[in-house]
Amino acid sequence: MAPSGLMRFDIGGRALWSQGIATTDFAMVDCYALNVGRRQVWSCCYTDFPILSIDLSGTHRLRPEGAKAIAIDRHFGLLAGGYAQESHRLVLFRCDKHEIKTLPTYDLDLGFSRERPAQLFTARQDTLHIVLDDQWYRLSVMDVALVAGVFY
């Protein structure tokens, strides 16, 4: 994060790219979820909690909004977590031309709560990672798609 939003740097610390406040219609104050792939970056940021897909063609604001973690596998993904009653939400989606088509939504209730938060709740590439009470849970996009009967 930088004053202009998300930025990309080379190994020497030189800025290569900036999402920039001037290029969007919202302010990016904090990044709640971030998943960096080879060709695309996915994020959910404060203040409006949009799901952002960032690629060479630009920054695309997608619906639904709000996630604590975003896992991506090709054209499918998972939006995990949210606020209040959505803290256990797990949404399987398909992304077509910068639009999210919501597939099944599940309740990911592993026992964490505001009073008993997970020690880690994040995603890297195609896998959601949750650490709770010294247990490491991993859930891939493909795992959820297979349970939902959605095939690649």
N, C-alpha and C. Protein backbone atom coordinates (compact mmCIF):
# COMPACT_ATOMS: atom_id res chain seq x y z
N MET A 1 0.85 -1.18 0.00
CA MET A 1 0.00 0.00 0.00
C MET A 1 0.88 1.23 0.00
N ALA A 2 0.43 2.22 -0.73
CA ALA A 2 1.11 3.51 -0.81
C ALA A 2 0.02 4.58 -0.87
N PRO A 3 0.38 5.84 -0.75
CA PRO A 3 -0.65 6.89 -0.80
C PRO A 3 -1.52 6.81 -2.05
N SER A 4 -1.00 6.27 -3.14
CA SER A 4 -1.79 6.17 -4.37
C SER A 4 -2.50 4.83 -4.50
N GLY A 5 -2.51 4.00 -3.48
CA GLY A 5 -3.18 2.71 -3.53
C GLY A 5 -2.15 1.59 -3.65
N LEU A 6 -2.49 0.54 -4.37
CA LEU A 6 -1.58 -0.58 -4.56
C LEU A 6 -0.46 -0.19 -5.52
N MET A 7 0.74 -0.68 -5.24
CA MET A 7 1.87 -0.42 -6.12
C MET A 7 2.66 -1.70 -6.33
N ARG A 8 3.37 -1.75 -7.45
CA ARG A 8 4.26 -2.87 -7.76
C ARG A 8 5.68 -2.30 -7.87
N PHE A 9 6.62 -3.03 -7.25
CA PHE A 9 8.02 -2.61 -7.24
C PHE A 9 8.90 -3.70 -7.83
N ASP A 10 10.05 -3.31 -8.36
CA ASP A 10 11.02 -4.31 -8.81
C ASP A 10 11.89 -4.70 -7.61
N ILE A 11 12.82 -5.60 -7.83
CA ILE A 11 13.67 -6.13 -6.75
C ILE A 11 14.51 -5.03 -6.09
N GLY A 12 14.77 -3.96 -6.81
CA GLY A 12 15.55 -2.84 -6.27
C GLY A 12 14.71 -1.78 -5.59
N GLY A 13 13.39 -1.96 -5.55
CA GLY A 13 12.52 -1.01 -4.88
C GLY A 13 12.00 0.11 -5.78
N ARG A 14 12.25 0.01 -7.06
CA ARG A 14 11.77 1.03 -8.01
C ARG A 14 10.31 0.74 -8.36
N ALA A 15 9.46 1.78 -8.28
CA ALA A 15 8.04 1.63 -8.59
C ALA A 15 7.86 1.31 -10.07
N LEU A 16 7.16 0.21 -10.36
CA LEU A 16 6.88 -0.18 -11.74
C LEU A 16 5.45 0.16 -12.16
N TRP A 17 4.53 0.16 -11.21
CA TRP A 17 3.11 0.33 -11.51
C TRP A 17 2.39 0.83 -10.28
N SER A 18 1.35 1.63 -10.49
CA SER A 18 0.52 2.10 -9.39
C SER A 18 -0.93 2.09 -9.80
N GLN A 19 -1.78 1.56 -8.94
CA GLN A 19 -3.22 1.55 -9.19
C GLN A 19 -3.73 2.98 -9.20
N GLY A 20 -3.24 3.81 -8.30
CA GLY A 20 -3.52 5.24 -8.30
C GLY A 20 -4.94 5.64 -7.99
N ILE A 21 -5.09 6.55 -7.06
CA ILE A 21 -6.41 7.06 -6.70
C ILE A 21 -7.07 7.74 -7.89
N ALA A 22 -6.28 8.40 -8.71
CA ALA A 22 -6.84 9.14 -9.85
C ALA A 22 -7.50 8.23 -10.87
N THR A 23 -7.17 6.95 -10.89
CA THR A 23 -7.72 6.06 -11.91
C THR A 23 -8.97 5.33 -11.44
N THR A 24 -9.40 5.58 -10.21
CA THR A 24 -10.57 4.87 -9.69
C THR A 24 -11.57 5.86 -9.12
N ASP A 25 -12.76 5.36 -8.82
CA ASP A 25 -13.80 6.21 -8.26
C ASP A 25 -13.99 6.00 -6.76
N PHE A 26 -12.95 5.54 -6.09
CA PHE A 26 -13.02 5.31 -4.65
C PHE A 26 -11.64 5.49 -4.04
N ALA A 27 -11.62 5.68 -2.74
CA ALA A 27 -10.36 5.80 -2.02
C ALA A 27 -9.96 4.44 -1.47
N MET A 28 -8.69 4.09 -1.60
CA MET A 28 -8.16 2.85 -1.05
C MET A 28 -7.34 3.21 0.19
N VAL A 29 -7.88 2.90 1.35
CA VAL A 29 -7.23 3.27 2.60
C VAL A 29 -6.45 2.10 3.20
N ASP A 30 -7.02 0.90 3.11
CA ASP A 30 -6.40 -0.29 3.68
C ASP A 30 -6.79 -1.48 2.81
N CYS A 31 -5.92 -2.46 2.75
CA CYS A 31 -6.18 -3.64 1.94
C CYS A 31 -6.51 -4.81 2.87
N TYR A 32 -7.73 -5.35 2.78
CA TYR A 32 -8.18 -6.43 3.65
C TYR A 32 -7.85 -7.81 3.09
N ALA A 33 -7.88 -7.95 1.78
CA ALA A 33 -7.55 -9.22 1.14
C ALA A 33 -6.71 -8.90 -0.09
N LEU A 34 -5.66 -9.72 -0.31
CA LEU A 34 -4.79 -9.51 -1.45
C LEU A 34 -4.26 -10.86 -1.91
N ASN A 35 -4.37 -11.12 -3.21
CA ASN A 35 -3.83 -12.34 -3.78
C ASN A 35 -3.16 -11.95 -5.09
N VAL A 36 -1.87 -12.18 -5.16
CA VAL A 36 -1.08 -11.76 -6.32
C VAL A 36 -0.74 -12.98 -7.16
N GLY A 37 -1.22 -12.97 -8.41
CA GLY A 37 -0.91 -14.04 -9.34
C GLY A 37 0.07 -13.55 -10.39
N ARG A 38 0.36 -14.39 -11.35
CA ARG A 38 1.31 -14.03 -12.41
C ARG A 38 0.79 -12.93 -13.31
N ARG A 39 -0.50 -12.98 -13.63
CA ARG A 39 -1.07 -12.03 -14.59
C ARG A 39 -2.15 -11.14 -14.01
N GLN A 40 -2.53 -11.40 -12.77
CA GLN A 40 -3.66 -10.70 -12.20
C GLN A 40 -3.51 -10.57 -10.70
N VAL A 41 -3.99 -9.47 -10.16
CA VAL A 41 -4.02 -9.22 -8.72
C VAL A 41 -5.48 -9.08 -8.32
N TRP A 42 -5.84 -9.69 -7.20
CA TRP A 42 -7.18 -9.58 -6.66
C TRP A 42 -7.08 -8.94 -5.28
N SER A 43 -8.00 -8.03 -4.96
CA SER A 43 -7.96 -7.42 -3.63
C SER A 43 -9.36 -7.00 -3.21
N CYS A 44 -9.49 -6.77 -1.92
CA CYS A 44 -10.67 -6.18 -1.30
C CYS A 44 -10.14 -5.12 -0.36
N CYS A 45 -10.57 -3.88 -0.54
CA CYS A 45 -9.97 -2.79 0.22
C CYS A 45 -11.02 -1.92 0.91
N TYR A 46 -10.57 -1.27 1.95
CA TYR A 46 -11.37 -0.31 2.69
C TYR A 46 -11.27 1.01 1.94
N THR A 47 -12.28 1.71 1.66
CA THR A 47 -13.45 2.02 2.44
C THR A 47 -14.73 1.35 1.94
N ASP A 48 -14.85 1.12 0.67
CA ASP A 48 -16.11 0.59 0.14
C ASP A 48 -16.13 -0.94 0.03
N PHE A 49 -15.01 -1.61 0.28
CA PHE A 49 -14.87 -3.06 0.22
C PHE A 49 -15.19 -3.66 -1.14
N PRO A 50 -14.80 -3.01 -2.24
CA PRO A 50 -15.04 -3.63 -3.54
C PRO A 50 -14.09 -4.81 -3.74
N ILE A 51 -14.50 -5.76 -4.56
CA ILE A 51 -13.58 -6.80 -5.02
C ILE A 51 -12.95 -6.22 -6.28
N LEU A 52 -11.63 -6.14 -6.29
CA LEU A 52 -10.91 -5.58 -7.43
C LEU A 52 -10.14 -6.67 -8.15
N SER A 53 -10.25 -6.66 -9.45
CA SER A 53 -9.44 -7.50 -10.32
C SER A 53 -8.55 -6.54 -11.10
N ILE A 54 -7.24 -6.70 -10.95
CA ILE A 54 -6.30 -5.78 -11.59
C ILE A 54 -5.43 -6.58 -12.54
N ASP A 55 -5.45 -6.18 -13.82
CA ASP A 55 -4.63 -6.85 -14.82
C ASP A 55 -4.09 -5.80 -15.79
N LEU A 56 -3.49 -6.22 -16.87
CA LEU A 56 -2.90 -5.28 -17.82
C LEU A 56 -3.93 -4.35 -18.46
N SER A 57 -5.20 -4.75 -18.48
CA SER A 57 -6.23 -3.90 -19.08
C SER A 57 -6.78 -2.86 -18.11
N GLY A 58 -6.40 -2.95 -16.82
CA GLY A 58 -6.84 -1.95 -15.86
C GLY A 58 -7.36 -2.56 -14.58
N THR A 59 -8.03 -1.72 -13.79
CA THR A 59 -8.63 -2.10 -12.51
C THR A 59 -10.12 -2.25 -12.72
N HIS A 60 -10.67 -3.39 -12.31
CA HIS A 60 -12.08 -3.69 -12.52
C HIS A 60 -12.74 -3.93 -11.17
N ARG A 61 -13.80 -3.19 -10.91
CA ARG A 61 -14.54 -3.30 -9.66
C ARG A 61 -15.67 -4.31 -9.86
N LEU A 62 -15.73 -5.32 -9.00
CA LEU A 62 -16.67 -6.42 -9.19
C LEU A 62 -17.62 -6.53 -8.00
N ARG A 63 -18.74 -7.18 -8.23
CA ARG A 63 -19.71 -7.47 -7.18
C ARG A 63 -19.77 -8.98 -7.00
N PRO A 64 -20.05 -9.56 -5.88
CA PRO A 64 -20.43 -8.93 -4.63
C PRO A 64 -19.24 -8.25 -3.97
N GLU A 65 -19.48 -7.52 -2.91
CA GLU A 65 -18.41 -6.80 -2.21
C GLU A 65 -18.09 -7.49 -0.89
N GLY A 66 -16.86 -7.25 -0.42
CA GLY A 66 -16.44 -7.70 0.90
C GLY A 66 -15.89 -9.10 0.95
N ALA A 67 -14.66 -9.24 1.42
CA ALA A 67 -14.03 -10.54 1.64
C ALA A 67 -12.78 -10.33 2.48
N LYS A 68 -12.46 -11.31 3.30
CA LYS A 68 -11.22 -11.30 4.07
C LYS A 68 -10.11 -12.02 3.33
N ALA A 69 -10.48 -12.91 2.41
CA ALA A 69 -9.49 -13.65 1.62
C ALA A 69 -10.11 -13.98 0.26
N ILE A 70 -9.25 -13.98 -0.77
CA ILE A 70 -9.68 -14.29 -2.13
C ILE A 70 -8.71 -15.33 -2.71
N ALA A 71 -9.24 -16.49 -3.06
CA ALA A 71 -8.42 -17.54 -3.69
C ALA A 71 -8.86 -17.65 -5.15
N ILE A 72 -7.90 -17.81 -6.07
CA ILE A 72 -8.20 -17.82 -7.50
C ILE A 72 -7.55 -19.02 -8.18
N ASP A 73 -8.31 -19.69 -9.04
CA ASP A 73 -7.79 -20.76 -9.88
C ASP A 73 -8.39 -20.60 -11.27
N ARG A 74 -7.61 -20.05 -12.17
CA ARG A 74 -8.05 -19.75 -13.54
C ARG A 74 -9.28 -18.86 -13.52
N HIS A 75 -10.43 -19.35 -13.97
CA HIS A 75 -11.64 -18.53 -14.03
C HIS A 75 -12.56 -18.72 -12.83
N PHE A 76 -12.12 -19.50 -11.84
CA PHE A 76 -12.93 -19.73 -10.65
C PHE A 76 -12.24 -19.15 -9.43
N GLY A 77 -13.03 -18.84 -8.41
CA GLY A 77 -12.44 -18.30 -7.20
C GLY A 77 -13.33 -18.50 -5.99
N LEU A 78 -12.76 -18.14 -4.84
CA LEU A 78 -13.46 -18.17 -3.56
C LEU A 78 -13.35 -16.80 -2.91
N LEU A 79 -14.46 -16.29 -2.43
CA LEU A 79 -14.48 -15.11 -1.56
C LEU A 79 -14.78 -15.65 -0.18
N ALA A 80 -13.87 -15.44 0.75
CA ALA A 80 -14.02 -16.01 2.09
C ALA A 80 -14.10 -14.92 3.13
N GLY A 81 -15.04 -15.08 4.04
CA GLY A 81 -15.17 -14.15 5.15
C GLY A 81 -15.94 -12.90 4.77
N GLY A 82 -16.10 -12.06 5.74
CA GLY A 82 -16.86 -10.82 5.62
C GLY A 82 -17.02 -10.27 7.01
N TYR A 83 -18.07 -9.50 7.23
CA TYR A 83 -18.28 -8.87 8.52
C TYR A 83 -19.57 -9.33 9.15
N ALA A 84 -19.58 -9.30 10.49
CA ALA A 84 -20.75 -9.67 11.29
C ALA A 84 -21.25 -11.04 10.86
N GLN A 85 -22.50 -11.13 10.40
CA GLN A 85 -23.09 -12.42 10.06
C GLN A 85 -22.45 -13.07 8.84
N GLU A 86 -21.61 -12.35 8.10
CA GLU A 86 -20.94 -12.92 6.92
C GLU A 86 -19.52 -13.38 7.21
N SER A 87 -19.13 -13.42 8.47
CA SER A 87 -17.74 -13.78 8.80
C SER A 87 -17.38 -15.21 8.42
N HIS A 88 -18.39 -16.09 8.30
CA HIS A 88 -18.14 -17.48 7.92
C HIS A 88 -18.52 -17.77 6.47
N ARG A 89 -18.83 -16.74 5.72
CA ARG A 89 -19.29 -16.90 4.33
C ARG A 89 -18.17 -17.41 3.43
N LEU A 90 -18.51 -18.35 2.56
CA LEU A 90 -17.59 -18.85 1.54
C LEU A 90 -18.36 -18.88 0.23
N VAL A 91 -17.95 -18.04 -0.73
CA VAL A 91 -18.65 -17.90 -2.00
C VAL A 91 -17.77 -18.45 -3.12
N LEU A 92 -18.28 -19.44 -3.83
CA LEU A 92 -17.61 -19.93 -5.03
C LEU A 92 -18.11 -19.06 -6.18
N PHE A 93 -17.19 -18.62 -7.05
CA PHE A 93 -17.61 -17.80 -8.18
C PHE A 93 -16.83 -18.14 -9.43
N ARG A 94 -17.40 -17.73 -10.56
CA ARG A 94 -16.74 -17.82 -11.85
C ARG A 94 -16.59 -16.41 -12.36
N CYS A 95 -15.42 -16.08 -12.89
CA CYS A 95 -15.17 -14.75 -13.42
C CYS A 95 -15.11 -14.81 -14.94
N ASP A 96 -16.01 -14.09 -15.58
CA ASP A 96 -16.06 -14.00 -17.04
C ASP A 96 -15.98 -12.54 -17.45
N LYS A 97 -14.91 -12.18 -18.14
CA LYS A 97 -14.75 -10.83 -18.67
C LYS A 97 -15.03 -9.76 -17.61
N HIS A 98 -14.39 -9.86 -16.49
CA HIS A 98 -14.47 -8.88 -15.40
C HIS A 98 -15.84 -8.80 -14.74
N GLU A 99 -16.58 -9.89 -14.78
CA GLU A 99 -17.83 -10.00 -14.06
C GLU A 99 -17.82 -11.28 -13.25
N ILE A 100 -18.30 -11.18 -12.02
CA ILE A 100 -18.36 -12.36 -11.16
C ILE A 100 -19.76 -12.96 -11.23
N LYS A 101 -19.81 -14.25 -11.52
CA LYS A 101 -21.07 -14.99 -11.45
C LYS A 101 -20.99 -15.83 -10.18
N THR A 102 -21.83 -15.50 -9.21
CA THR A 102 -21.83 -16.20 -7.94
C THR A 102 -22.42 -17.59 -8.11
N LEU A 103 -21.70 -18.58 -7.64
CA LEU A 103 -22.14 -19.97 -7.64
C LEU A 103 -22.57 -20.28 -6.20
N PRO A 104 -22.55 -21.50 -5.72
CA PRO A 104 -23.02 -21.76 -4.36
C PRO A 104 -22.25 -20.98 -3.29
N THR A 105 -22.98 -20.65 -2.23
CA THR A 105 -22.42 -20.01 -1.05
C THR A 105 -22.54 -20.99 0.11
N TYR A 106 -21.48 -21.07 0.90
CA TYR A 106 -21.43 -22.02 2.01
C TYR A 106 -21.14 -21.31 3.32
N ASP A 107 -21.42 -22.00 4.42
CA ASP A 107 -21.09 -21.52 5.76
C ASP A 107 -19.81 -22.23 6.19
N LEU A 108 -18.74 -21.47 6.32
CA LEU A 108 -17.44 -22.02 6.70
C LEU A 108 -17.26 -21.84 8.21
N ASP A 109 -18.00 -22.59 8.99
CA ASP A 109 -17.98 -22.42 10.44
C ASP A 109 -17.00 -23.41 11.08
N LEU A 110 -15.79 -22.93 11.31
CA LEU A 110 -14.77 -23.76 11.95
C LEU A 110 -14.65 -23.44 13.44
N GLY A 111 -15.50 -22.53 13.93
CA GLY A 111 -15.48 -22.18 15.34
C GLY A 111 -14.82 -20.85 15.66
N PHE A 112 -14.35 -20.12 14.65
CA PHE A 112 -13.75 -18.82 14.94
C PHE A 112 -14.86 -17.76 15.03
N SER A 113 -14.57 -16.70 15.76
CA SER A 113 -15.53 -15.61 15.96
C SER A 113 -14.74 -14.36 16.32
N ARG A 114 -15.45 -13.27 16.53
CA ARG A 114 -14.79 -12.03 16.97
C ARG A 114 -14.07 -12.25 18.30
N GLU A 115 -14.70 -13.01 19.18
CA GLU A 115 -14.10 -13.30 20.48
C GLU A 115 -13.00 -14.34 20.39
N ARG A 116 -13.04 -15.18 19.38
CA ARG A 116 -12.07 -16.26 19.18
C ARG A 116 -11.62 -16.24 17.72
N PRO A 117 -10.81 -15.24 17.35
CA PRO A 117 -10.43 -15.11 15.94
C PRO A 117 -9.42 -16.16 15.50
N ALA A 118 -9.44 -16.42 14.20
CA ALA A 118 -8.42 -17.30 13.61
C ALA A 118 -7.07 -16.59 13.69
N GLN A 119 -6.00 -17.36 13.94
CA GLN A 119 -4.67 -16.75 13.97
C GLN A 119 -4.22 -16.35 12.58
N LEU A 120 -4.71 -17.04 11.56
CA LEU A 120 -4.40 -16.72 10.17
C LEU A 120 -5.64 -16.97 9.34
N PHE A 121 -5.99 -16.03 8.49
CA PHE A 121 -7.12 -16.16 7.58
C PHE A 121 -6.72 -15.45 6.31
N THR A 122 -6.23 -16.21 5.32
CA THR A 122 -5.71 -15.60 4.11
C THR A 122 -5.82 -16.59 2.95
N ALA A 123 -5.45 -16.13 1.77
CA ALA A 123 -5.40 -17.00 0.60
C ALA A 123 -4.12 -16.70 -0.16
N ARG A 124 -3.58 -17.73 -0.77
CA ARG A 124 -2.42 -17.59 -1.65
C ARG A 124 -2.70 -18.43 -2.87
N GLN A 125 -2.66 -17.79 -4.03
CA GLN A 125 -2.98 -18.46 -5.29
C GLN A 125 -4.38 -19.09 -5.20
N ASP A 126 -4.48 -20.42 -5.31
CA ASP A 126 -5.79 -21.08 -5.38
C ASP A 126 -6.26 -21.67 -4.05
N THR A 127 -5.59 -21.35 -2.95
CA THR A 127 -5.89 -22.02 -1.68
C THR A 127 -6.16 -21.04 -0.55
N LEU A 128 -7.23 -21.30 0.17
CA LEU A 128 -7.58 -20.57 1.38
C LEU A 128 -6.84 -21.23 2.54
N HIS A 129 -6.23 -20.42 3.41
CA HIS A 129 -5.49 -20.92 4.57
C HIS A 129 -6.09 -20.32 5.84
N ILE A 130 -6.44 -21.19 6.79
CA ILE A 130 -6.97 -20.75 8.07
C ILE A 130 -6.22 -21.50 9.17
N VAL A 131 -5.69 -20.76 10.13
CA VAL A 131 -5.08 -21.38 11.30
C VAL A 131 -5.93 -21.00 12.50
N LEU A 132 -6.41 -22.01 13.21
CA LEU A 132 -7.26 -21.82 14.38
C LEU A 132 -6.88 -22.87 15.41
N ASP A 133 -6.55 -22.43 16.61
CA ASP A 133 -6.17 -23.35 17.69
C ASP A 133 -5.08 -24.32 17.25
N ASP A 134 -4.06 -23.80 16.62
CA ASP A 134 -2.91 -24.58 16.16
C ASP A 134 -3.25 -25.63 15.10
N GLN A 135 -4.41 -25.55 14.49
CA GLN A 135 -4.78 -26.42 13.37
C GLN A 135 -4.72 -25.58 12.10
N TRP A 136 -4.08 -26.12 11.07
CA TRP A 136 -3.96 -25.43 9.78
C TRP A 136 -4.92 -26.07 8.79
N TYR A 137 -5.93 -25.30 8.39
CA TYR A 137 -6.93 -25.76 7.42
C TYR A 137 -6.58 -25.16 6.06
N ARG A 138 -6.64 -26.00 5.02
CA ARG A 138 -6.41 -25.55 3.64
C ARG A 138 -7.58 -26.02 2.80
N LEU A 139 -8.09 -25.09 2.00
CA LEU A 139 -9.23 -25.39 1.16
C LEU A 139 -8.97 -24.76 -0.20
N SER A 140 -8.91 -25.59 -1.23
CA SER A 140 -8.63 -25.06 -2.57
C SER A 140 -9.92 -24.73 -3.31
N VAL A 141 -9.80 -23.90 -4.31
CA VAL A 141 -10.94 -23.57 -5.17
C VAL A 141 -11.49 -24.85 -5.79
N MET A 142 -10.61 -25.73 -6.25
CA MET A 142 -11.05 -26.97 -6.87
C MET A 142 -11.81 -27.85 -5.88
N ASP A 143 -11.38 -27.91 -4.62
CA ASP A 143 -12.10 -28.69 -3.60
C ASP A 143 -13.56 -28.24 -3.52
N VAL A 144 -13.76 -26.93 -3.43
CA VAL A 144 -15.11 -26.39 -3.28
C VAL A 144 -15.91 -26.59 -4.57
N ALA A 145 -15.27 -26.39 -5.72
CA ALA A 145 -15.96 -26.58 -7.01
C ALA A 145 -16.43 -28.03 -7.16
N LEU A 146 -15.61 -28.99 -6.77
CA LEU A 146 -16.00 -30.40 -6.87
C LEU A 146 -17.19 -30.71 -5.97
N VAL A 147 -17.18 -30.17 -4.74
CA VAL A 147 -18.32 -30.38 -3.83
C VAL A 147 -19.59 -29.76 -4.42
N ALA A 148 -19.43 -28.62 -5.07
CA ALA A 148 -20.58 -27.92 -5.68
C ALA A 148 -21.05 -28.56 -6.98
N GLY A 149 -20.27 -29.51 -7.51
CA GLY A 149 -20.63 -30.13 -8.77
C GLY A 149 -20.29 -29.26 -9.97
N VAL A 150 -19.37 -28.32 -9.76
CA VAL A 150 -18.93 -27.43 -10.84
C VAL A 150 -17.58 -27.95 -11.33
N PHE A 151 -17.49 -28.21 -12.61
CA PHE A 151 -16.27 -28.78 -13.16
C PHE A 151 -15.61 -27.77 -14.08
N TYR A 152 -14.32 -27.76 -14.08
CA TYR A 152 -13.54 -26.79 -14.86
C TYR A 152 -13.65 -27.07 -16.33
